[in-house]
N, C-alpha and C. Protein backbone atom coordinates (compact mmCIF):
# COMPACT_ATOMS: atom_id res chain seq x y z
N UNK A 1 -57.94 14.52 -20.17
CA UNK A 1 -56.97 14.30 -21.62
C UNK A 1 -56.66 15.62 -22.16
N UNK A 2 -55.35 15.76 -22.25
CA UNK A 2 -55.36 16.90 -23.52
C UNK A 2 -55.34 16.43 -24.76
N UNK A 3 -55.16 17.31 -25.76
CA UNK A 3 -55.26 17.35 -27.25
C UNK A 3 -54.18 17.32 -27.64
N UNK A 4 -53.90 16.55 -28.81
CA UNK A 4 -52.65 16.93 -29.69
C UNK A 4 -52.16 18.77 -29.59
N UNK A 5 -53.08 19.38 -29.72
CA UNK A 5 -52.30 20.66 -30.25
C UNK A 5 -51.88 21.35 -29.11
N UNK A 6 -52.45 21.08 -27.76
CA UNK A 6 -51.61 21.19 -26.35
C UNK A 6 -50.07 20.84 -25.89
N UNK A 7 -50.59 19.56 -26.63
CA UNK A 7 -49.15 18.89 -26.37
C UNK A 7 -48.41 19.11 -27.42
N UNK A 8 -48.74 19.70 -28.38
CA UNK A 8 -47.21 20.43 -29.26
C UNK A 8 -46.97 21.63 -28.67
N UNK A 9 -47.99 22.43 -28.34
CA UNK A 9 -47.14 23.74 -27.43
C UNK A 9 -46.83 23.79 -26.51
N UNK A 10 -47.13 22.35 -25.45
CA UNK A 10 -46.15 22.37 -24.38
C UNK A 10 -44.81 22.00 -24.98
N UNK A 11 -44.97 21.21 -25.74
CA UNK A 11 -43.62 20.31 -26.34
C UNK A 11 -42.39 21.52 -26.87
N UNK A 12 -42.71 22.89 -27.70
CA UNK A 12 -42.16 23.61 -27.77
C UNK A 12 -41.70 24.39 -26.90
N UNK A 13 -42.59 24.74 -25.84
CA UNK A 13 -41.91 25.51 -24.63
C UNK A 13 -41.09 24.94 -23.89
N UNK A 14 -40.94 23.38 -23.80
CA UNK A 14 -40.24 22.55 -23.04
C UNK A 14 -38.60 22.59 -24.03
N UNK A 15 -38.86 22.46 -25.17
CA UNK A 15 -37.38 22.72 -26.14
C UNK A 15 -37.28 24.15 -25.74
N UNK A 16 -37.94 25.04 -25.89
CA UNK A 16 -37.24 26.52 -25.52
C UNK A 16 -36.74 26.49 -24.28
N UNK A 17 -37.33 26.30 -23.38
CA UNK A 17 -36.80 26.19 -21.89
C UNK A 17 -35.50 25.62 -21.34
N UNK A 18 -35.46 24.11 -21.80
CA UNK A 18 -34.60 23.74 -21.82
C UNK A 18 -33.05 23.73 -22.46
N UNK A 19 -33.25 24.30 -23.87
CA UNK A 19 -32.46 25.31 -25.07
C UNK A 19 -31.97 26.54 -23.90
N UNK A 20 -32.75 27.03 -23.18
CA UNK A 20 -32.61 28.40 -22.39
C UNK A 20 -31.41 28.50 -21.17
N UNK A 21 -31.89 27.07 -20.78
CA UNK A 21 -31.34 27.23 -19.45
C UNK A 21 -30.27 25.80 -19.22
N UNK A 22 -29.82 25.20 -19.77
CA UNK A 22 -28.80 24.12 -19.89
C UNK A 22 -27.82 24.32 -19.61
N UNK A 23 -27.30 25.36 -19.68
CA UNK A 23 -25.88 26.35 -19.25
C UNK A 23 -26.26 26.42 -18.07
N UNK A 24 -27.52 26.95 -17.68
CA UNK A 24 -26.97 27.18 -15.63
C UNK A 24 -27.56 26.24 -15.05
N UNK A 25 -28.25 25.55 -15.41
CA UNK A 25 -28.52 24.29 -14.47
C UNK A 25 -27.43 23.14 -14.15
N UNK A 26 -27.15 22.49 -15.64
CA UNK A 26 -26.08 21.83 -15.59
C UNK A 26 -24.83 22.60 -15.87
N UNK A 27 -24.29 22.49 -14.66
CA UNK A 27 -22.86 23.83 -14.30
C UNK A 27 -21.68 22.54 -14.13
N UNK A 28 -21.39 22.04 -15.48
CA UNK A 28 -20.30 21.61 -15.68
C UNK A 28 -19.56 21.90 -16.86
N UNK A 29 -18.48 22.20 -16.89
CA UNK A 29 -17.09 22.64 -17.66
C UNK A 29 -17.11 21.43 -18.90
N UNK A 30 -17.78 19.81 -18.57
CA UNK A 30 -17.70 18.99 -19.94
C UNK A 30 -18.69 18.99 -20.19
N UNK A 31 -19.73 19.79 -19.75
CA UNK A 31 -20.88 19.39 -20.83
C UNK A 31 -20.56 20.34 -21.94
N UNK A 32 -20.98 19.50 -23.59
CA UNK A 32 -20.45 19.33 -24.39
C UNK A 32 -20.92 20.59 -25.29
N UNK A 33 -21.10 20.67 -26.64
CA UNK A 33 -22.11 21.84 -27.17
C UNK A 33 -23.29 21.06 -27.49
N UNK A 34 -24.35 21.26 -27.03
CA UNK A 34 -25.52 20.63 -26.98
C UNK A 34 -26.85 21.61 -27.92
N UNK A 35 -27.04 21.04 -28.82
CA UNK A 35 -28.19 21.55 -29.37
C UNK A 35 -29.36 20.68 -29.25
N UNK A 36 -30.83 21.19 -29.20
CA UNK A 36 -31.74 20.54 -28.99
C UNK A 36 -32.73 20.78 -29.75
N UNK A 37 -32.67 19.76 -30.62
CA UNK A 37 -33.31 19.65 -32.21
C UNK A 37 -34.71 19.04 -31.72
N UNK A 38 -35.45 18.55 -31.16
CA UNK A 38 -36.77 18.29 -30.80
C UNK A 38 -37.44 17.69 -29.78
N UNK A 39 -38.49 18.27 -29.51
CA UNK A 39 -39.31 17.56 -28.13
C UNK A 39 -40.85 17.20 -28.40
N UNK A 40 -41.05 16.05 -27.53
CA UNK A 40 -42.50 15.21 -28.01
C UNK A 40 -42.53 14.47 -27.16
N UNK A 41 -44.07 15.77 -26.51
CA UNK A 41 -45.06 15.23 -25.00
C UNK A 41 -45.65 14.45 -25.62
N UNK A 42 -46.00 13.63 -24.58
CA UNK A 42 -47.63 12.10 -25.21
C UNK A 42 -48.74 13.04 -24.86
N UNK A 43 -49.84 13.27 -25.41
CA UNK A 43 -51.09 13.73 -25.53
C UNK A 43 -51.51 13.79 -23.85
N UNK A 44 -51.25 13.26 -23.04
CA UNK A 44 -51.56 13.08 -21.59
C UNK A 44 -50.58 14.26 -20.80
N UNK A 45 -49.64 14.82 -21.37
CA UNK A 45 -48.78 15.36 -20.92
C UNK A 45 -47.88 14.80 -20.08
N UNK A 46 -47.79 13.78 -19.58
CA UNK A 46 -47.29 13.04 -18.87
C UNK A 46 -45.39 12.88 -18.54
N UNK A 47 -45.16 12.69 -20.30
CA UNK A 47 -43.95 12.15 -20.59
C UNK A 47 -43.19 13.14 -21.52
N UNK A 48 -42.02 13.62 -21.57
CA UNK A 48 -41.21 14.60 -22.67
C UNK A 48 -40.25 13.77 -23.21
N UNK A 49 -40.03 13.65 -24.25
CA UNK A 49 -38.74 12.93 -25.08
C UNK A 49 -38.41 14.42 -25.52
N UNK A 50 -36.54 14.12 -25.18
CA UNK A 50 -36.19 15.70 -25.64
C UNK A 50 -34.94 14.94 -26.40
N UNK A 51 -34.92 15.31 -27.65
CA UNK A 51 -33.77 14.63 -28.36
C UNK A 51 -32.55 16.17 -28.76
N UNK A 52 -31.16 15.44 -28.67
CA UNK A 52 -30.42 16.52 -28.75
C UNK A 52 -29.20 15.50 -29.47
N UNK A 53 -28.56 16.99 -30.02
CA UNK A 53 -27.14 16.32 -30.53
C UNK A 53 -26.06 16.95 -29.83
N UNK A 54 -24.97 16.63 -29.82
CA UNK A 54 -24.02 16.84 -29.52
C UNK A 54 -22.47 17.31 -30.36
N UNK A 55 -22.08 18.47 -30.59
CA UNK A 55 -20.67 18.42 -31.50
C UNK A 55 -19.89 17.91 -30.85
N UNK A 56 -18.93 16.98 -31.54
CA UNK A 56 -17.88 16.88 -30.84
C UNK A 56 -17.51 14.77 -31.08
N UNK A 57 -16.25 14.34 -30.60
CA UNK A 57 -16.47 13.29 -30.84
C UNK A 57 -17.07 12.28 -29.99
N UNK A 58 -16.78 11.13 -30.07
CA UNK A 58 -17.77 9.81 -29.41
C UNK A 58 -17.64 10.22 -27.78
N UNK A 59 -16.45 10.46 -27.66
CA UNK A 59 -16.35 10.50 -26.15
C UNK A 59 -16.67 11.73 -25.57
N UNK A 60 -17.25 12.87 -26.33
CA UNK A 60 -17.99 14.15 -25.67
C UNK A 60 -18.91 13.85 -25.63
N UNK A 61 -19.72 13.12 -26.27
CA UNK A 61 -21.38 12.51 -26.67
C UNK A 61 -21.20 11.58 -25.41
N UNK A 62 -20.66 10.63 -25.01
CA UNK A 62 -20.74 10.14 -24.01
C UNK A 62 -21.20 11.01 -22.90
N UNK A 63 -20.00 11.78 -22.21
CA UNK A 63 -19.84 12.46 -21.11
C UNK A 63 -21.04 13.62 -20.89
N UNK A 64 -21.80 13.83 -22.03
CA UNK A 64 -22.50 15.03 -21.76
C UNK A 64 -23.76 14.04 -21.71
N UNK A 65 -24.37 12.79 -22.68
CA UNK A 65 -25.22 11.72 -22.08
C UNK A 65 -24.73 11.78 -20.37
N UNK A 66 -23.84 11.20 -20.13
CA UNK A 66 -23.64 10.95 -17.97
C UNK A 66 -24.58 12.18 -18.00
N UNK A 67 -23.88 13.58 -18.35
CA UNK A 67 -23.97 14.80 -17.36
C UNK A 67 -25.91 15.05 -17.66
N UNK A 68 -26.36 14.90 -18.73
CA UNK A 68 -28.14 15.47 -18.84
C UNK A 68 -28.73 14.10 -17.89
N UNK A 69 -28.08 12.84 -18.15
CA UNK A 69 -28.97 11.72 -17.07
C UNK A 69 -28.55 12.09 -15.48
N UNK A 70 -27.85 12.35 -15.54
CA UNK A 70 -27.80 12.73 -13.66
C UNK A 70 -28.01 14.38 -13.40
N UNK A 71 -28.26 15.30 -14.53
CA UNK A 71 -29.14 16.35 -14.01
C UNK A 71 -30.50 16.40 -14.44
N UNK A 72 -31.37 15.52 -14.41
CA UNK A 72 -32.57 14.85 -15.31
C UNK A 72 -33.63 15.55 -14.39
N UNK A 73 -33.09 15.58 -13.18
CA UNK A 73 -34.30 16.22 -11.91
C UNK A 73 -33.81 17.67 -11.90
N UNK A 74 -32.60 18.11 -11.88
CA UNK A 74 -33.02 20.19 -11.75
C UNK A 74 -33.81 20.32 -12.99
N UNK A 75 -33.36 19.64 -14.58
CA UNK A 75 -33.41 20.37 -14.93
C UNK A 75 -35.23 19.82 -15.37
N UNK A 76 -35.55 18.83 -14.60
CA UNK A 76 -36.93 19.07 -14.33
C UNK A 76 -37.74 19.97 -13.97
N UNK A 77 -37.23 20.31 -12.55
CA UNK A 77 -37.65 21.50 -11.88
C UNK A 77 -37.46 23.08 -12.68
N UNK A 78 -36.76 22.84 -13.12
CA UNK A 78 -36.17 24.01 -14.10
C UNK A 78 -37.62 24.25 -15.03
N UNK A 79 -37.84 23.37 -16.08
CA UNK A 79 -39.07 23.11 -16.29
C UNK A 79 -40.48 23.67 -16.11
N UNK A 80 -40.57 22.99 -14.62
CA UNK A 80 -41.49 22.79 -14.13
C UNK A 80 -41.98 24.64 -13.82
N UNK A 81 -40.65 24.81 -13.02
CA UNK A 81 -41.33 26.25 -12.71
C UNK A 81 -41.29 27.36 -13.40
N UNK A 82 -41.56 26.96 -14.74
CA UNK A 82 -41.37 27.84 -16.38
C UNK A 82 -42.26 27.67 -16.76
N UNK A 83 -42.80 26.53 -16.79
CA UNK A 83 -43.58 26.27 -17.35
C UNK A 83 -45.46 26.56 -17.43
N UNK A 84 -45.75 26.85 -16.33
CA UNK A 84 -46.81 27.14 -15.56
C UNK A 84 -48.37 26.20 -15.69
N UNK A 85 -47.79 24.83 -15.86
CA UNK A 85 -49.09 23.59 -15.64
C UNK A 85 -48.64 22.91 -14.45
N UNK A 86 -50.31 22.58 -14.04
CA UNK A 86 -49.99 21.45 -12.74
C UNK A 86 -49.03 20.50 -12.47
N UNK A 87 -48.88 19.58 -13.46
CA UNK A 87 -47.92 18.65 -13.92
C UNK A 87 -46.93 18.55 -14.35
N UNK A 88 -45.79 18.54 -14.08
CA UNK A 88 -44.27 18.49 -14.70
C UNK A 88 -44.09 17.21 -15.63
N UNK A 89 -43.99 17.19 -16.86
CA UNK A 89 -44.00 15.81 -17.31
C UNK A 89 -42.66 15.57 -16.91
N UNK A 90 -42.29 14.01 -17.21
CA UNK A 90 -40.71 13.26 -16.62
C UNK A 90 -39.88 13.74 -18.43
N UNK A 91 -38.63 13.92 -18.26
CA UNK A 91 -38.08 14.01 -19.09
C UNK A 91 -36.99 12.89 -19.80
N UNK A 92 -37.16 12.53 -20.57
CA UNK A 92 -35.99 11.58 -21.26
C UNK A 92 -35.29 12.29 -22.47
N UNK A 93 -33.83 12.00 -22.34
CA UNK A 93 -33.05 12.68 -22.55
C UNK A 93 -32.86 11.73 -23.65
N UNK A 94 -32.75 11.61 -25.70
CA UNK A 94 -32.42 10.97 -26.33
C UNK A 94 -31.36 12.01 -27.43
N UNK A 95 -30.49 10.74 -27.85
CA UNK A 95 -29.57 11.30 -28.63
C UNK A 95 -30.13 11.58 -30.25
N UNK A 96 -29.42 12.12 -30.79
CA UNK A 96 -30.48 12.19 -32.18
C UNK A 96 -29.85 11.91 -32.83
N UNK A 97 -29.90 10.74 -34.08
CA UNK A 97 -29.08 10.35 -34.86
C UNK A 97 -29.32 11.30 -36.74
N UNK A 98 -29.31 12.35 -35.99
CA UNK A 98 -29.43 12.94 -37.70
C UNK A 98 -27.93 13.19 -37.98
N UNK A 99 -27.64 13.99 -37.45
CA UNK A 99 -25.98 13.77 -38.16
C UNK A 99 -25.10 12.93 -38.31
N UNK A 100 -25.49 11.55 -37.56
CA UNK A 100 -24.90 9.82 -38.09
C UNK A 100 -25.23 9.86 -39.81
N UNK A 101 -27.10 9.90 -40.09
CA UNK A 101 -27.51 9.96 -40.90
C UNK A 101 -27.25 10.90 -41.59
N UNK A 102 -27.15 11.77 -41.91
CA UNK A 102 -26.69 12.75 -42.72
C UNK A 102 -25.54 12.39 -43.37
N UNK A 103 -23.97 12.34 -42.56
CA UNK A 103 -23.16 11.36 -42.84
C UNK A 103 -23.08 10.18 -43.67
N UNK A 104 -24.07 9.51 -43.28
CA UNK A 104 -24.44 8.26 -43.73
C UNK A 104 -24.96 8.65 -45.66
N UNK A 105 -25.78 9.88 -45.63
CA UNK A 105 -26.30 10.12 -46.93
C UNK A 105 -25.20 10.98 -47.65
N UNK A 106 -23.91 11.56 -47.31
CA UNK A 106 -23.15 12.09 -47.61
C UNK A 106 -22.22 11.13 -48.46
N UNK A 107 -21.97 10.00 -47.74
CA UNK A 107 -21.34 9.13 -48.13
C UNK A 107 -21.59 8.60 -49.30
N UNK A 108 -22.99 8.23 -49.12
CA UNK A 108 -23.32 7.86 -50.46
C UNK A 108 -23.69 8.69 -51.72
N UNK A 109 -24.18 9.87 -51.30
CA UNK A 109 -24.15 10.73 -52.32
C UNK A 109 -22.55 11.19 -53.32
N UNK A 110 -21.79 10.76 -52.59
CA UNK A 110 -20.49 10.50 -53.06
C UNK A 110 -20.17 9.72 -53.85
N UNK A 111 -20.38 8.42 -53.29
CA UNK A 111 -20.42 7.32 -54.22
C UNK A 111 -20.77 7.39 -55.46
N UNK A 112 -22.23 7.94 -55.32
CA UNK A 112 -22.90 7.98 -56.97
C UNK A 112 -22.55 8.81 -57.72
N UNK A 113 -21.72 9.87 -56.84
CA UNK A 113 -21.24 11.36 -57.79
C UNK A 113 -19.98 10.35 -58.90
N UNK A 114 -18.93 9.05 -58.54
CA UNK A 114 -18.20 8.93 -58.52
C UNK A 114 -18.56 7.97 -59.52
N UNK A 115 -19.39 7.07 -59.06
CA UNK A 115 -20.47 6.18 -60.20
C UNK A 115 -20.59 6.57 -61.49
N UNK A 116 -21.06 8.05 -61.21
CA UNK A 116 -21.44 8.35 -62.67
C UNK A 116 -20.30 9.51 -63.50
N UNK A 117 -18.98 9.55 -62.89
CA UNK A 117 -18.09 9.99 -63.56
C UNK A 117 -17.39 9.19 -64.55
N UNK A 118 -17.76 7.65 -63.71
CA UNK A 118 -17.13 6.18 -64.26
C UNK A 118 -17.84 5.97 -65.72
N UNK A 119 -19.02 6.44 -65.28
CA UNK A 119 -20.23 6.26 -66.24
C UNK A 119 -19.58 7.27 -67.43
N UNK A 120 -19.41 8.09 -67.23
CA UNK A 120 -19.51 8.91 -68.32
C UNK A 120 -17.81 9.03 -68.63
N UNK A 121 -16.85 8.79 -68.61
CA UNK A 121 -15.81 8.33 -68.84
C UNK A 121 -15.78 7.62 -69.54
N UNK A 122 -16.48 5.88 -69.36
CA UNK A 122 -16.95 4.89 -70.37
C UNK A 122 -17.48 5.34 -71.33
N UNK A 123 -18.50 6.09 -71.82
CA UNK A 123 -19.15 6.54 -72.58
C UNK A 123 -18.45 7.39 -73.53
N UNK A 124 -17.36 8.22 -73.27
CA UNK A 124 -17.54 8.99 -73.94
C UNK A 124 -16.50 8.74 -75.11
N UNK A 125 -16.07 7.42 -74.84
CA UNK A 125 -14.83 6.62 -75.75
C UNK A 125 -15.39 5.66 -76.60
N UNK A 126 -17.00 5.23 -76.33
CA UNK A 126 -17.87 4.49 -76.69
C UNK A 126 -18.43 5.00 -78.25
N UNK A 127 -18.76 3.88 -79.26
CA UNK A 127 -19.45 3.94 -80.14
C UNK A 127 -20.41 3.22 -80.48
N UNK A 128 -21.51 3.31 -81.45
CA UNK A 128 -22.65 2.61 -81.44
C UNK A 128 -22.39 1.49 -82.63
N UNK A 129 -22.93 0.40 -81.81
CA UNK A 129 -22.58 -1.16 -82.46
C UNK A 129 -23.08 -1.02 -84.23
N UNK A 130 -24.23 -0.47 -84.32
CA UNK A 130 -25.26 -0.19 -85.78
C UNK A 130 -24.69 1.10 -85.51
N UNK A 131 -26.14 1.65 -86.38
CA UNK A 131 -26.64 2.84 -87.12
C UNK A 131 -26.70 4.07 -85.91
N UNK A 132 -26.04 4.79 -85.82
CA UNK A 132 -26.09 5.87 -84.92
C UNK A 132 -27.72 6.03 -84.27
N UNK A 133 -28.13 5.95 -85.47
CA UNK A 133 -30.17 6.36 -84.70
C UNK A 133 -30.64 5.11 -85.55
N UNK A 134 -31.24 4.24 -84.92
CA UNK A 134 -32.06 3.15 -85.54
C UNK A 134 -33.16 2.95 -85.93
N UNK A 135 -33.88 4.33 -84.87
CA UNK A 135 -35.00 3.99 -85.70
C UNK A 135 -35.50 4.58 -86.60
N UNK A 136 -37.10 4.52 -87.41
CA UNK A 136 -37.25 5.12 -88.25
C UNK A 136 -38.06 6.30 -87.91
N UNK A 137 -38.09 7.00 -89.23
CA UNK A 137 -38.34 8.96 -88.50
C UNK A 137 -39.46 8.91 -89.94
N UNK A 138 -40.47 10.01 -89.43
CA UNK A 138 -41.79 10.41 -90.38
C UNK A 138 -41.20 10.06 -91.37
N UNK A 139 -40.38 11.68 -91.81
CA UNK A 139 -39.47 11.92 -93.14
C UNK A 139 -39.50 10.77 -93.99
N UNK A 140 -38.54 9.54 -93.43
CA UNK A 140 -38.35 8.35 -94.23
C UNK A 140 -39.48 7.67 -94.30
N UNK A 141 -41.04 7.50 -94.03
CA UNK A 141 -42.08 6.63 -94.39
C UNK A 141 -42.58 7.47 -95.33
N UNK A 142 -42.91 9.13 -95.02
CA UNK A 142 -43.41 9.73 -96.19
C UNK A 142 -42.64 9.64 -97.63
N UNK A 143 -41.72 9.58 -97.63
CA UNK A 143 -40.49 9.26 -99.10
C UNK A 143 -40.98 7.98 -99.81
N UNK A 144 -41.22 6.90 -98.81
CA UNK A 144 -41.59 5.60 -99.15
C UNK A 144 -42.79 5.33 -99.67
N UNK A 145 -43.89 5.85 -98.92
CA UNK A 145 -45.22 6.19 -99.46
C UNK A 145 -45.42 6.89 -100.60
N UNK A 146 -44.54 7.84 -100.61
CA UNK A 146 -44.71 8.79 -101.88
C UNK A 146 -44.35 7.80 -103.49
N UNK A 147 -42.98 7.29 -103.42
CA UNK A 147 -42.79 6.18 -104.56
C UNK A 147 -44.06 5.19 -104.78
N UNK A 148 -44.42 4.44 -103.57
CA UNK A 148 -45.85 3.75 -103.86
C UNK A 148 -46.50 4.56 -104.38
N UNK A 149 -46.81 5.02 -104.16
CA UNK A 149 -48.56 5.88 -104.52
C UNK A 149 -48.31 6.55 -105.92
N UNK A 150 -47.28 6.71 -106.51
CA UNK A 150 -46.97 7.87 -107.95
C UNK A 150 -47.62 6.87 -108.38
N UNK A 151 -47.94 5.78 -109.05
CA UNK A 151 -48.23 4.53 -109.75
C UNK A 151 -50.03 4.50 -109.67
N UNK A 152 -50.60 4.36 -108.51
CA UNK A 152 -51.91 4.40 -108.36
C UNK A 152 -52.91 5.31 -108.62
N UNK A 153 -54.43 4.87 -108.75
CA UNK A 153 -55.38 6.09 -109.19
C UNK A 153 -55.57 6.79 -108.29
N UNK A 154 -56.43 7.71 -108.31
CA UNK A 154 -56.66 8.97 -106.99
C UNK A 154 -57.93 7.57 -106.35
N UNK A 155 -58.18 8.21 -105.13
CA UNK A 155 -59.37 7.64 -104.72
C UNK A 155 -60.00 7.88 -104.95
N UNK A 156 -61.15 6.53 -105.27
CA UNK A 156 -62.59 6.83 -105.58
C UNK A 156 -63.59 5.60 -104.83
N UNK A 157 -64.74 6.04 -105.16
CA UNK A 157 -65.63 5.09 -104.30
C UNK A 157 -66.16 3.85 -104.89
N UNK A 158 -67.30 3.19 -105.19
CA UNK A 158 -67.76 2.19 -105.34
C UNK A 158 -68.14 2.70 -106.70
N UNK A 159 -67.88 1.41 -107.69
CA UNK A 159 -67.97 2.11 -109.18
C UNK A 159 -67.60 3.04 -109.85
N UNK A 160 -66.24 3.52 -109.77
CA UNK A 160 -65.66 4.63 -109.78
C UNK A 160 -66.07 6.05 -109.88
N UNK A 161 -67.51 6.21 -108.89
CA UNK A 161 -67.95 7.32 -108.46
C UNK A 161 -66.87 7.83 -107.46
N UNK A 162 -66.56 9.73 -107.39
CA UNK A 162 -65.94 10.28 -106.06
C UNK A 162 -66.98 9.65 -104.65
N UNK A 163 -66.08 10.33 -103.92
CA UNK A 163 -66.31 9.63 -102.67
C UNK A 163 -67.71 10.76 -102.35
N UNK A 164 -68.25 12.03 -102.86
CA UNK A 164 -68.92 12.57 -102.45
C UNK A 164 -70.43 12.57 -103.77
N UNK A 165 -70.08 11.92 -105.10
CA UNK A 165 -71.48 11.98 -105.60
C UNK A 165 -72.26 10.20 -105.01
N UNK A 166 -73.36 10.84 -105.06
CA UNK A 166 -74.56 9.55 -104.65
C UNK A 166 -75.09 8.92 -105.57
N UNK A 167 -74.96 9.78 -106.53
CA UNK A 167 -75.63 9.00 -108.20
C UNK A 167 -75.25 8.42 -109.01
N UNK A 168 -73.51 7.86 -108.45
CA UNK A 168 -72.69 7.14 -109.38
C UNK A 168 -72.20 7.72 -110.76
N UNK A 169 -72.23 9.03 -110.67
CA UNK A 169 -71.78 10.29 -111.66
C UNK A 169 -70.60 10.32 -111.38
N UNK A 170 -69.29 10.99 -112.29
CA UNK A 170 -68.05 11.12 -111.79
C UNK A 170 -67.33 12.42 -111.32
N UNK A 171 -66.47 12.39 -111.14
CA UNK A 171 -66.07 14.08 -110.59
C UNK A 171 -66.48 14.71 -111.87
N UNK A 172 -66.13 14.05 -113.39
CA UNK A 172 -65.83 15.21 -114.25
C UNK A 172 -67.77 15.76 -114.49
N UNK A 173 -68.46 14.78 -114.73
CA UNK A 173 -69.99 14.89 -114.59
C UNK A 173 -70.16 16.03 -113.86
N UNK A 174 -69.88 15.92 -112.68
CA UNK A 174 -70.05 16.91 -111.66
C UNK A 174 -69.51 18.57 -112.15
N UNK A 175 -68.15 18.52 -112.54
CA UNK A 175 -67.65 19.26 -112.52
C UNK A 175 -67.90 20.27 -113.94
N UNK A 176 -68.68 19.60 -114.88
CA UNK A 176 -69.53 19.88 -116.49
C UNK A 176 -70.01 20.47 -116.07
N UNK A 177 -71.34 20.39 -115.36
CA UNK A 177 -72.37 21.13 -114.42
C UNK A 177 -72.52 22.81 -114.09
N UNK A 178 -71.21 22.20 -113.41
CA UNK A 178 -70.76 23.20 -113.00
C UNK A 178 -71.55 23.72 -111.46
N UNK A 179 -72.04 22.89 -110.81
CA UNK A 179 -73.01 23.10 -109.97
C UNK A 179 -72.33 22.53 -108.84
N UNK A 180 -71.64 21.14 -108.72
CA UNK A 180 -70.69 20.49 -107.91
C UNK A 180 -71.49 20.14 -106.55
N UNK A 181 -72.39 20.25 -106.41
CA UNK A 181 -73.14 19.94 -105.20
C UNK A 181 -74.03 18.36 -105.41
N UNK A 182 -73.32 17.57 -104.68
CA UNK A 182 -73.72 16.26 -104.26
C UNK A 182 -75.12 16.04 -104.49
N UNK A 183 -75.43 15.05 -105.30
CA UNK A 183 -77.00 14.95 -105.47
C UNK A 183 -77.37 15.51 -106.53
N UNK A 184 -76.55 16.29 -107.01
CA UNK A 184 -77.43 16.91 -108.54
C UNK A 184 -77.43 15.93 -109.56
N UNK A 185 -78.37 16.01 -110.58
CA UNK A 185 -78.12 15.24 -111.75
C UNK A 185 -77.79 16.40 -112.45
N UNK A 186 -77.75 16.07 -114.29
CA UNK A 186 -77.15 16.85 -115.41
C UNK A 186 -77.76 18.18 -115.25
N UNK A 187 -78.84 17.91 -114.95
CA UNK A 187 -79.59 19.32 -115.71
C UNK A 187 -79.47 20.47 -114.32
N UNK A 188 -78.63 20.17 -113.22
CA UNK A 188 -78.55 21.52 -111.81
C UNK A 188 -79.65 21.25 -111.64
N UNK A 189 -80.88 20.42 -111.34
CA UNK A 189 -81.70 19.94 -110.13
C UNK A 189 -81.13 19.35 -109.17
N UNK A 190 -81.49 19.46 -108.35
CA UNK A 190 -81.56 19.01 -106.87
C UNK A 190 -82.04 17.52 -106.67
């Protein structure tokens, strides 16, 4: 049993061989403009799924699918001669749905752009139901806090002491000693 890395290499080689030899093997003027988009090979190298797209309308796609199915044996022989492995995988041609998917996505994107334009047009003439900015901001809170704190005394600890004093003395006593060190008594000793 082959590994996945070898299967990928064989798939890439099959893709190149079919893309290069398609016009030489299928000698029919009704064959459309075919692009081989992908090839997937099973890990045992027994089966290859060949994905393709056709440029044209539905009738052109149908005719190309018939021609590829009718010439599947010739294409497999071409791949077998040039691939260089013991067993040539069987080929299955699958029409790739990428163009249809891309067209569908383009339609959806156009609808989204149209809806966005409608919303922008409706929003251009709209006005606010209340204030333009209904949220409180920090600068408004600071103004209100300053008005409330204007009458309050400075922050103090228990018994009227400053937060840094440990013996209950006030801030005035600390500054009178000139030391200002926490825990210092009136004499300046710690």
